[in-house]
Amino acid sequence: MDNYLTPTTVDDIVYIAPRLREADRQECLAATGREPLTVLLDGLRISDLTFTLRSPEGERIGLLGVAPSHLEGAGAIWLCATTDIYKYQMAFLRRSKEFLPLLQKRYLVLHNCVDARNTVHIKWLKWMGFTFINKHEHYGAARLPFYEFVRIQNV
């Protein structure tokens, strides 16, 4: 781990939650019916791994983690970011593939669902090698379309 990924603190969540990209804020609401601050605090509590994404200057630009799944041997991966992530898009993309093995270390399978409106995350997930396996037309609290995705660890 380096200065780009640091363990997440409650202060990180309090800073990032009101600054989320609109698509990430909408996804939190659509999936859970709850405000992002509550969702992210729950994510910190239930996740095995949580990291704060930082810019080269140390600015907090996003959060990511993996929570144990209801499926045996699987983890539910999640990510959200502020609009500042666009300033560091290339660095984020380069580093993403480096930290994926760290996130998948404990789990044979990573999976979750993404709001079908969140096109930036969908592109990132495809680039990271996740496979989209299902479209749920009425998912979550808002009963909106979400895509289910999965990535199986190379063993």
N, C-alpha and C. Protein backbone atom coordinates (compact mmCIF):
# COMPACT_ATOMS: atom_id res chain seq x y z
N MET A 1 0.85 -1.18 0.00
CA MET A 1 0.00 0.00 0.00
C MET A 1 0.90 1.24 0.00
N ASP A 2 0.42 2.31 -0.57
CA ASP A 2 1.20 3.53 -0.65
C ASP A 2 0.31 4.72 -0.30
N ASN A 3 0.74 5.90 -0.64
CA ASN A 3 -0.04 7.09 -0.32
C ASN A 3 -1.28 7.24 -1.19
N TYR A 4 -1.36 6.46 -2.27
CA TYR A 4 -2.52 6.54 -3.16
C TYR A 4 -3.74 5.86 -2.54
N LEU A 5 -3.51 4.78 -1.81
CA LEU A 5 -4.57 4.05 -1.11
C LEU A 5 -4.23 4.07 0.37
N THR A 6 -5.12 4.62 1.17
CA THR A 6 -4.91 4.63 2.61
C THR A 6 -6.12 4.01 3.29
N PRO A 7 -5.95 3.42 4.46
CA PRO A 7 -7.12 2.87 5.16
C PRO A 7 -8.16 3.98 5.40
N THR A 8 -9.41 3.64 5.19
CA THR A 8 -10.49 4.61 5.31
C THR A 8 -10.82 4.88 6.77
N THR A 9 -11.05 6.15 7.05
CA THR A 9 -11.49 6.58 8.38
C THR A 9 -12.88 7.19 8.27
N VAL A 10 -13.53 7.36 9.40
CA VAL A 10 -14.82 8.03 9.42
C VAL A 10 -14.68 9.45 8.87
N ASP A 11 -13.58 10.12 9.18
CA ASP A 11 -13.35 11.47 8.65
C ASP A 11 -13.32 11.48 7.13
N ASP A 12 -12.72 10.44 6.53
CA ASP A 12 -12.70 10.34 5.07
C ASP A 12 -14.12 10.27 4.51
N ILE A 13 -14.95 9.48 5.14
CA ILE A 13 -16.33 9.32 4.68
C ILE A 13 -17.11 10.62 4.84
N VAL A 14 -16.94 11.26 5.97
CA VAL A 14 -17.64 12.53 6.21
C VAL A 14 -17.21 13.58 5.18
N TYR A 15 -15.94 13.56 4.78
CA TYR A 15 -15.45 14.50 3.77
C TYR A 15 -16.01 14.16 2.38
N ILE A 16 -15.97 12.88 2.01
CA ILE A 16 -16.31 12.47 0.65
C ILE A 16 -17.82 12.42 0.39
N ALA A 17 -18.61 11.98 1.33
CA ALA A 17 -20.05 11.77 1.10
C ALA A 17 -20.75 12.97 0.46
N PRO A 18 -20.58 14.19 0.95
CA PRO A 18 -21.29 15.31 0.31
C PRO A 18 -20.67 15.75 -1.02
N ARG A 19 -19.52 15.19 -1.36
CA ARG A 19 -18.83 15.58 -2.59
C ARG A 19 -18.91 14.51 -3.69
N LEU A 20 -19.71 13.48 -3.48
CA LEU A 20 -19.80 12.39 -4.45
C LEU A 20 -20.24 12.88 -5.82
N ARG A 21 -19.74 12.17 -6.84
CA ARG A 21 -20.28 12.38 -8.18
C ARG A 21 -21.79 12.17 -8.10
N GLU A 22 -22.53 12.89 -8.90
CA GLU A 22 -23.99 12.77 -8.86
C GLU A 22 -24.44 11.34 -9.16
N ALA A 23 -23.78 10.67 -10.09
CA ALA A 23 -24.15 9.29 -10.43
C ALA A 23 -23.95 8.35 -9.24
N ASP A 24 -22.91 8.57 -8.45
CA ASP A 24 -22.67 7.73 -7.28
C ASP A 24 -23.70 8.03 -6.18
N ARG A 25 -24.03 9.29 -6.02
CA ARG A 25 -25.06 9.67 -5.05
C ARG A 25 -26.40 9.03 -5.42
N GLN A 26 -26.75 9.12 -6.71
CA GLN A 26 -28.00 8.53 -7.19
C GLN A 26 -28.00 7.01 -7.02
N GLU A 27 -26.85 6.38 -7.24
CA GLU A 27 -26.77 4.93 -7.09
C GLU A 27 -26.99 4.50 -5.64
N CYS A 28 -26.40 5.22 -4.70
CA CYS A 28 -26.63 4.93 -3.28
C CYS A 28 -28.11 5.01 -2.95
N LEU A 29 -28.75 6.09 -3.38
CA LEU A 29 -30.17 6.28 -3.11
C LEU A 29 -31.02 5.21 -3.78
N ALA A 30 -30.72 4.90 -5.04
CA ALA A 30 -31.52 3.92 -5.79
C ALA A 30 -31.39 2.52 -5.20
N ALA A 31 -30.19 2.15 -4.80
CA ALA A 31 -29.97 0.80 -4.29
C ALA A 31 -30.54 0.61 -2.89
N THR A 32 -30.37 1.62 -2.03
CA THR A 32 -30.68 1.43 -0.62
C THR A 32 -31.83 2.29 -0.09
N GLY A 33 -32.14 3.39 -0.79
CA GLY A 33 -33.13 4.33 -0.28
C GLY A 33 -32.58 5.22 0.83
N ARG A 34 -31.27 5.16 1.04
CA ARG A 34 -30.63 5.94 2.11
C ARG A 34 -29.60 6.90 1.55
N GLU A 35 -29.32 7.94 2.30
CA GLU A 35 -28.33 8.93 1.90
C GLU A 35 -26.93 8.32 1.88
N PRO A 36 -26.06 8.83 1.00
CA PRO A 36 -24.71 8.29 0.86
C PRO A 36 -23.91 8.23 2.17
N LEU A 37 -24.03 9.23 3.03
CA LEU A 37 -23.26 9.20 4.27
C LEU A 37 -23.57 7.94 5.07
N THR A 38 -24.83 7.60 5.20
CA THR A 38 -25.23 6.40 5.94
C THR A 38 -24.74 5.14 5.24
N VAL A 39 -24.90 5.10 3.92
CA VAL A 39 -24.47 3.94 3.14
C VAL A 39 -22.96 3.73 3.28
N LEU A 40 -22.19 4.81 3.19
CA LEU A 40 -20.73 4.70 3.27
C LEU A 40 -20.26 4.33 4.68
N LEU A 41 -20.91 4.86 5.69
CA LEU A 41 -20.56 4.47 7.07
C LEU A 41 -20.85 2.98 7.29
N ASP A 42 -21.97 2.50 6.74
CA ASP A 42 -22.27 1.07 6.81
C ASP A 42 -21.23 0.26 6.05
N GLY A 43 -20.81 0.78 4.89
CA GLY A 43 -19.77 0.11 4.11
C GLY A 43 -18.48 -0.04 4.89
N LEU A 44 -18.10 0.99 5.61
CA LEU A 44 -16.90 0.92 6.44
C LEU A 44 -17.06 -0.13 7.54
N ARG A 45 -18.24 -0.19 8.13
CA ARG A 45 -18.49 -1.11 9.24
C ARG A 45 -18.49 -2.58 8.79
N ILE A 46 -19.07 -2.87 7.63
CA ILE A 46 -19.23 -4.27 7.23
C ILE A 46 -18.13 -4.80 6.31
N SER A 47 -17.33 -3.92 5.75
CA SER A 47 -16.32 -4.36 4.78
C SER A 47 -15.07 -4.92 5.44
N ASP A 48 -14.48 -5.92 4.79
CA ASP A 48 -13.19 -6.46 5.23
C ASP A 48 -12.07 -5.50 4.91
N LEU A 49 -12.18 -4.87 3.75
CA LEU A 49 -11.17 -3.93 3.28
C LEU A 49 -11.87 -2.65 2.85
N THR A 50 -11.35 -1.53 3.30
CA THR A 50 -11.83 -0.24 2.79
C THR A 50 -10.62 0.66 2.62
N PHE A 51 -10.60 1.35 1.50
CA PHE A 51 -9.50 2.26 1.20
C PHE A 51 -10.03 3.59 0.73
N THR A 52 -9.28 4.62 1.05
CA THR A 52 -9.53 5.95 0.53
C THR A 52 -8.57 6.17 -0.62
N LEU A 53 -9.12 6.54 -1.77
CA LEU A 53 -8.30 6.87 -2.94
C LEU A 53 -7.84 8.30 -2.78
N ARG A 54 -6.56 8.51 -3.01
CA ARG A 54 -6.00 9.86 -2.85
C ARG A 54 -5.28 10.28 -4.13
N SER A 55 -5.31 11.58 -4.35
CA SER A 55 -4.58 12.16 -5.48
C SER A 55 -3.09 12.15 -5.14
N PRO A 56 -2.22 12.42 -6.13
CA PRO A 56 -0.79 12.51 -5.83
C PRO A 56 -0.47 13.56 -4.75
N GLU A 57 -1.35 14.54 -4.61
CA GLU A 57 -1.16 15.58 -3.58
C GLU A 57 -1.78 15.19 -2.24
N GLY A 58 -2.41 14.01 -2.17
CA GLY A 58 -3.01 13.55 -0.93
C GLY A 58 -4.47 13.89 -0.74
N GLU A 59 -5.10 14.53 -1.75
CA GLU A 59 -6.52 14.85 -1.65
C GLU A 59 -7.35 13.58 -1.66
N ARG A 60 -8.41 13.55 -0.87
CA ARG A 60 -9.32 12.40 -0.86
C ARG A 60 -10.26 12.52 -2.06
N ILE A 61 -10.23 11.51 -2.93
CA ILE A 61 -11.03 11.58 -4.15
C ILE A 61 -12.01 10.42 -4.31
N GLY A 62 -11.94 9.43 -3.44
CA GLY A 62 -12.87 8.31 -3.55
C GLY A 62 -12.70 7.30 -2.45
N LEU A 63 -13.60 6.34 -2.44
CA LEU A 63 -13.58 5.25 -1.47
C LEU A 63 -13.85 3.95 -2.20
N LEU A 64 -13.23 2.88 -1.75
CA LEU A 64 -13.55 1.58 -2.30
C LEU A 64 -13.37 0.53 -1.24
N GLY A 65 -14.05 -0.58 -1.41
CA GLY A 65 -13.95 -1.64 -0.44
C GLY A 65 -14.54 -2.94 -0.94
N VAL A 66 -14.41 -3.94 -0.08
CA VAL A 66 -14.99 -5.25 -0.34
C VAL A 66 -15.61 -5.74 0.97
N ALA A 67 -16.88 -6.11 0.88
CA ALA A 67 -17.60 -6.64 2.03
C ALA A 67 -17.88 -8.12 1.79
N PRO A 68 -17.91 -8.90 2.86
CA PRO A 68 -18.28 -10.31 2.68
C PRO A 68 -19.66 -10.41 2.04
N SER A 69 -19.80 -11.34 1.15
CA SER A 69 -21.05 -11.54 0.42
C SER A 69 -21.87 -12.66 1.06
N HIS A 70 -23.12 -12.72 0.69
CA HIS A 70 -23.96 -13.84 1.10
C HIS A 70 -23.57 -15.12 0.35
N LEU A 71 -22.79 -14.99 -0.71
CA LEU A 71 -22.33 -16.14 -1.47
C LEU A 71 -21.01 -16.63 -0.90
N GLU A 72 -20.87 -17.91 -0.71
CA GLU A 72 -19.65 -18.48 -0.14
C GLU A 72 -18.44 -18.19 -1.03
N GLY A 73 -17.36 -17.71 -0.41
CA GLY A 73 -16.13 -17.43 -1.14
C GLY A 73 -16.17 -16.16 -1.99
N ALA A 74 -17.20 -15.34 -1.78
CA ALA A 74 -17.36 -14.15 -2.61
C ALA A 74 -17.36 -12.88 -1.76
N GLY A 75 -16.94 -11.80 -2.40
CA GLY A 75 -16.97 -10.49 -1.78
C GLY A 75 -17.70 -9.51 -2.67
N ALA A 76 -18.41 -8.59 -2.02
CA ALA A 76 -19.14 -7.54 -2.75
C ALA A 76 -18.25 -6.31 -2.82
N ILE A 77 -17.79 -6.00 -4.03
CA ILE A 77 -16.89 -4.86 -4.24
C ILE A 77 -17.71 -3.59 -4.46
N TRP A 78 -17.22 -2.47 -3.96
CA TRP A 78 -17.91 -1.20 -4.15
C TRP A 78 -16.90 -0.08 -4.31
N LEU A 79 -17.35 0.98 -4.99
CA LEU A 79 -16.50 2.14 -5.27
C LEU A 79 -17.40 3.36 -5.41
N CYS A 80 -16.94 4.47 -4.91
CA CYS A 80 -17.59 5.75 -5.17
C CYS A 80 -16.50 6.82 -5.16
N ALA A 81 -16.79 7.93 -5.83
CA ALA A 81 -15.75 8.95 -5.98
C ALA A 81 -16.35 10.34 -6.06
N THR A 82 -15.51 11.30 -5.81
CA THR A 82 -15.87 12.70 -6.01
C THR A 82 -15.59 13.06 -7.46
N THR A 83 -16.02 14.22 -7.88
CA THR A 83 -15.74 14.66 -9.25
C THR A 83 -14.25 14.92 -9.45
N ASP A 84 -13.49 15.07 -8.38
CA ASP A 84 -12.05 15.28 -8.51
C ASP A 84 -11.33 14.08 -9.13
N ILE A 85 -11.96 12.94 -9.12
CA ILE A 85 -11.32 11.77 -9.72
C ILE A 85 -11.05 11.99 -11.21
N TYR A 86 -11.85 12.83 -11.85
CA TYR A 86 -11.64 13.11 -13.28
C TYR A 86 -10.31 13.81 -13.52
N LYS A 87 -9.84 14.59 -12.56
CA LYS A 87 -8.55 15.27 -12.70
C LYS A 87 -7.40 14.27 -12.73
N TYR A 88 -7.62 13.10 -12.12
CA TYR A 88 -6.57 12.10 -11.97
C TYR A 88 -6.97 10.79 -12.64
N GLN A 89 -7.78 10.91 -13.67
CA GLN A 89 -8.36 9.73 -14.33
C GLN A 89 -7.30 8.74 -14.81
N MET A 90 -6.27 9.21 -15.48
CA MET A 90 -5.26 8.30 -16.02
C MET A 90 -4.49 7.59 -14.90
N ALA A 91 -4.13 8.34 -13.87
CA ALA A 91 -3.43 7.72 -12.73
C ALA A 91 -4.33 6.69 -12.06
N PHE A 92 -5.60 7.02 -11.91
CA PHE A 92 -6.54 6.09 -11.29
C PHE A 92 -6.66 4.81 -12.12
N LEU A 93 -6.79 4.95 -13.43
CA LEU A 93 -6.92 3.77 -14.28
C LEU A 93 -5.67 2.90 -14.22
N ARG A 94 -4.49 3.53 -14.27
CA ARG A 94 -3.25 2.75 -14.19
C ARG A 94 -3.16 2.00 -12.87
N ARG A 95 -3.48 2.67 -11.79
CA ARG A 95 -3.34 2.07 -10.46
C ARG A 95 -4.45 1.06 -10.17
N SER A 96 -5.60 1.19 -10.80
CA SER A 96 -6.72 0.28 -10.54
C SER A 96 -6.33 -1.18 -10.71
N LYS A 97 -5.67 -1.46 -11.81
CA LYS A 97 -5.30 -2.86 -12.07
C LYS A 97 -4.24 -3.35 -11.09
N GLU A 98 -3.47 -2.42 -10.52
CA GLU A 98 -2.48 -2.81 -9.51
C GLU A 98 -3.15 -3.19 -8.19
N PHE A 99 -4.20 -2.47 -7.79
CA PHE A 99 -4.79 -2.77 -6.49
C PHE A 99 -5.90 -3.81 -6.54
N LEU A 100 -6.33 -4.23 -7.73
CA LEU A 100 -7.36 -5.26 -7.82
C LEU A 100 -6.96 -6.56 -7.13
N PRO A 101 -5.73 -7.06 -7.30
CA PRO A 101 -5.37 -8.28 -6.58
C PRO A 101 -5.46 -8.13 -5.05
N LEU A 102 -5.17 -6.96 -4.54
CA LEU A 102 -5.30 -6.71 -3.11
C LEU A 102 -6.77 -6.84 -2.68
N LEU A 103 -7.66 -6.31 -3.49
CA LEU A 103 -9.08 -6.38 -3.17
C LEU A 103 -9.63 -7.80 -3.30
N GLN A 104 -9.05 -8.57 -4.21
CA GLN A 104 -9.56 -9.92 -4.45
C GLN A 104 -8.79 -10.99 -3.68
N LYS A 105 -7.83 -10.59 -2.90
CA LYS A 105 -6.96 -11.52 -2.18
C LYS A 105 -7.73 -12.54 -1.34
N ARG A 106 -8.77 -12.11 -0.68
CA ARG A 106 -9.52 -12.98 0.25
C ARG A 106 -10.66 -13.74 -0.42
N TYR A 107 -10.98 -13.39 -1.66
CA TYR A 107 -12.19 -13.93 -2.28
C TYR A 107 -11.89 -14.51 -3.66
N LEU A 108 -12.48 -15.66 -3.93
CA LEU A 108 -12.38 -16.25 -5.25
C LEU A 108 -13.19 -15.43 -6.26
N VAL A 109 -14.29 -14.85 -5.80
CA VAL A 109 -15.20 -14.12 -6.67
C VAL A 109 -15.48 -12.74 -6.07
N LEU A 110 -15.43 -11.73 -6.91
CA LEU A 110 -15.91 -10.39 -6.57
C LEU A 110 -17.16 -10.14 -7.40
N HIS A 111 -18.16 -9.53 -6.78
CA HIS A 111 -19.41 -9.27 -7.51
C HIS A 111 -20.14 -8.10 -6.87
N ASN A 112 -21.15 -7.62 -7.55
CA ASN A 112 -22.08 -6.64 -7.03
C ASN A 112 -23.02 -6.25 -8.16
N CYS A 113 -23.79 -5.18 -7.94
CA CYS A 113 -24.66 -4.63 -8.96
C CYS A 113 -24.36 -3.14 -9.09
N VAL A 114 -24.48 -2.63 -10.29
CA VAL A 114 -24.22 -1.21 -10.58
C VAL A 114 -25.45 -0.62 -11.25
N ASP A 115 -25.77 0.59 -10.87
CA ASP A 115 -26.89 1.32 -11.47
C ASP A 115 -26.65 1.44 -12.97
N ALA A 116 -27.63 1.06 -13.75
CA ALA A 116 -27.48 1.10 -15.21
C ALA A 116 -27.23 2.51 -15.73
N ARG A 117 -27.56 3.53 -14.95
CA ARG A 117 -27.32 4.92 -15.34
C ARG A 117 -25.88 5.35 -15.10
N ASN A 118 -25.13 4.58 -14.31
CA ASN A 118 -23.77 4.96 -13.91
C ASN A 118 -22.77 4.48 -14.98
N THR A 119 -22.79 5.13 -16.11
CA THR A 119 -22.00 4.68 -17.27
C THR A 119 -20.50 4.73 -17.02
N VAL A 120 -20.03 5.65 -16.20
CA VAL A 120 -18.60 5.73 -15.91
C VAL A 120 -18.16 4.47 -15.16
N HIS A 121 -18.92 4.05 -14.18
CA HIS A 121 -18.56 2.84 -13.44
C HIS A 121 -18.67 1.59 -14.32
N ILE A 122 -19.65 1.57 -15.17
CA ILE A 122 -19.80 0.41 -16.05
C ILE A 122 -18.59 0.28 -16.97
N LYS A 123 -18.12 1.39 -17.54
CA LYS A 123 -16.92 1.35 -18.38
C LYS A 123 -15.70 0.91 -17.58
N TRP A 124 -15.56 1.42 -16.36
CA TRP A 124 -14.43 1.05 -15.51
C TRP A 124 -14.47 -0.44 -15.17
N LEU A 125 -15.64 -0.96 -14.82
CA LEU A 125 -15.76 -2.38 -14.48
C LEU A 125 -15.40 -3.27 -15.67
N LYS A 126 -15.84 -2.90 -16.85
CA LYS A 126 -15.48 -3.67 -18.04
C LYS A 126 -13.97 -3.63 -18.27
N TRP A 127 -13.38 -2.45 -18.12
CA TRP A 127 -11.93 -2.28 -18.31
C TRP A 127 -11.15 -3.12 -17.29
N MET A 128 -11.72 -3.27 -16.09
CA MET A 128 -11.07 -4.03 -15.03
C MET A 128 -11.25 -5.54 -15.19
N GLY A 129 -12.02 -5.96 -16.17
CA GLY A 129 -12.17 -7.38 -16.43
C GLY A 129 -13.37 -8.03 -15.77
N PHE A 130 -14.30 -7.23 -15.30
CA PHE A 130 -15.53 -7.79 -14.75
C PHE A 130 -16.46 -8.16 -15.90
N THR A 131 -17.27 -9.18 -15.67
CA THR A 131 -18.23 -9.65 -16.65
C THR A 131 -19.63 -9.32 -16.16
N PHE A 132 -20.44 -8.79 -17.06
CA PHE A 132 -21.82 -8.48 -16.70
C PHE A 132 -22.67 -9.70 -17.00
N ILE A 133 -23.38 -10.17 -15.98
CA ILE A 133 -24.07 -11.46 -16.11
C ILE A 133 -25.59 -11.35 -16.08
N ASN A 134 -26.12 -10.21 -15.67
CA ASN A 134 -27.57 -10.11 -15.59
C ASN A 134 -27.98 -8.64 -15.52
N LYS A 135 -29.14 -8.35 -16.03
CA LYS A 135 -29.74 -7.03 -15.86
C LYS A 135 -31.00 -7.21 -15.02
N HIS A 136 -31.01 -6.57 -13.87
CA HIS A 136 -32.18 -6.60 -12.99
C HIS A 136 -33.00 -5.34 -13.28
N GLU A 137 -34.15 -5.51 -13.83
CA GLU A 137 -34.98 -4.38 -14.26
C GLU A 137 -35.53 -3.57 -13.08
N HIS A 138 -35.73 -4.21 -11.94
CA HIS A 138 -36.37 -3.55 -10.79
C HIS A 138 -35.57 -3.84 -9.53
N TYR A 139 -34.38 -3.26 -9.44
CA TYR A 139 -33.45 -3.55 -8.35
C TYR A 139 -33.49 -2.46 -7.29
N GLY A 140 -33.27 -2.86 -6.05
CA GLY A 140 -33.07 -1.91 -4.96
C GLY A 140 -34.31 -1.16 -4.55
N ALA A 141 -34.10 -0.18 -3.68
CA ALA A 141 -35.20 0.60 -3.10
C ALA A 141 -35.99 1.35 -4.17
N ALA A 142 -35.30 1.85 -5.19
CA ALA A 142 -35.98 2.62 -6.24
C ALA A 142 -36.54 1.75 -7.36
N ARG A 143 -36.23 0.45 -7.32
CA ARG A 143 -36.73 -0.50 -8.34
C ARG A 143 -36.33 -0.06 -9.75
N LEU A 144 -35.05 0.33 -9.89
CA LEU A 144 -34.50 0.77 -11.18
C LEU A 144 -33.62 -0.31 -11.78
N PRO A 145 -33.29 -0.20 -13.08
CA PRO A 145 -32.40 -1.18 -13.70
C PRO A 145 -30.97 -1.10 -13.14
N PHE A 146 -30.44 -2.25 -12.78
CA PHE A 146 -29.06 -2.41 -12.33
C PHE A 146 -28.48 -3.61 -13.05
N TYR A 147 -27.17 -3.54 -13.31
CA TYR A 147 -26.45 -4.66 -13.92
C TYR A 147 -25.69 -5.40 -12.83
N GLU A 148 -25.78 -6.71 -12.86
CA GLU A 148 -25.01 -7.56 -11.96
C GLU A 148 -23.70 -7.91 -12.67
N PHE A 149 -22.58 -7.83 -11.94
CA PHE A 149 -21.28 -8.12 -12.52
C PHE A 149 -20.48 -9.03 -11.61
N VAL A 150 -19.47 -9.68 -12.19
CA VAL A 150 -18.67 -10.64 -11.45
C VAL A 150 -17.26 -10.71 -12.03
N ARG A 151 -16.31 -11.06 -11.16
CA ARG A 151 -14.94 -11.32 -11.61
C ARG A 151 -14.43 -12.49 -10.78
N ILE A 152 -13.95 -13.51 -11.47
CA ILE A 152 -13.42 -14.70 -10.80
C ILE A 152 -11.90 -14.59 -10.79
N GLN A 153 -11.34 -14.83 -9.61
CA GLN A 153 -9.89 -14.72 -9.44
C GLN A 153 -9.16 -15.78 -10.26
N ASN A 154 -8.09 -15.37 -10.90
CA ASN A 154 -7.23 -16.32 -11.61
C ASN A 154 -6.44 -17.10 -10.58
N VAL A 155 -6.61 -18.41 -10.56
CA VAL A 155 -5.89 -19.25 -9.58
C VAL A 155 -4.88 -20.14 -10.24
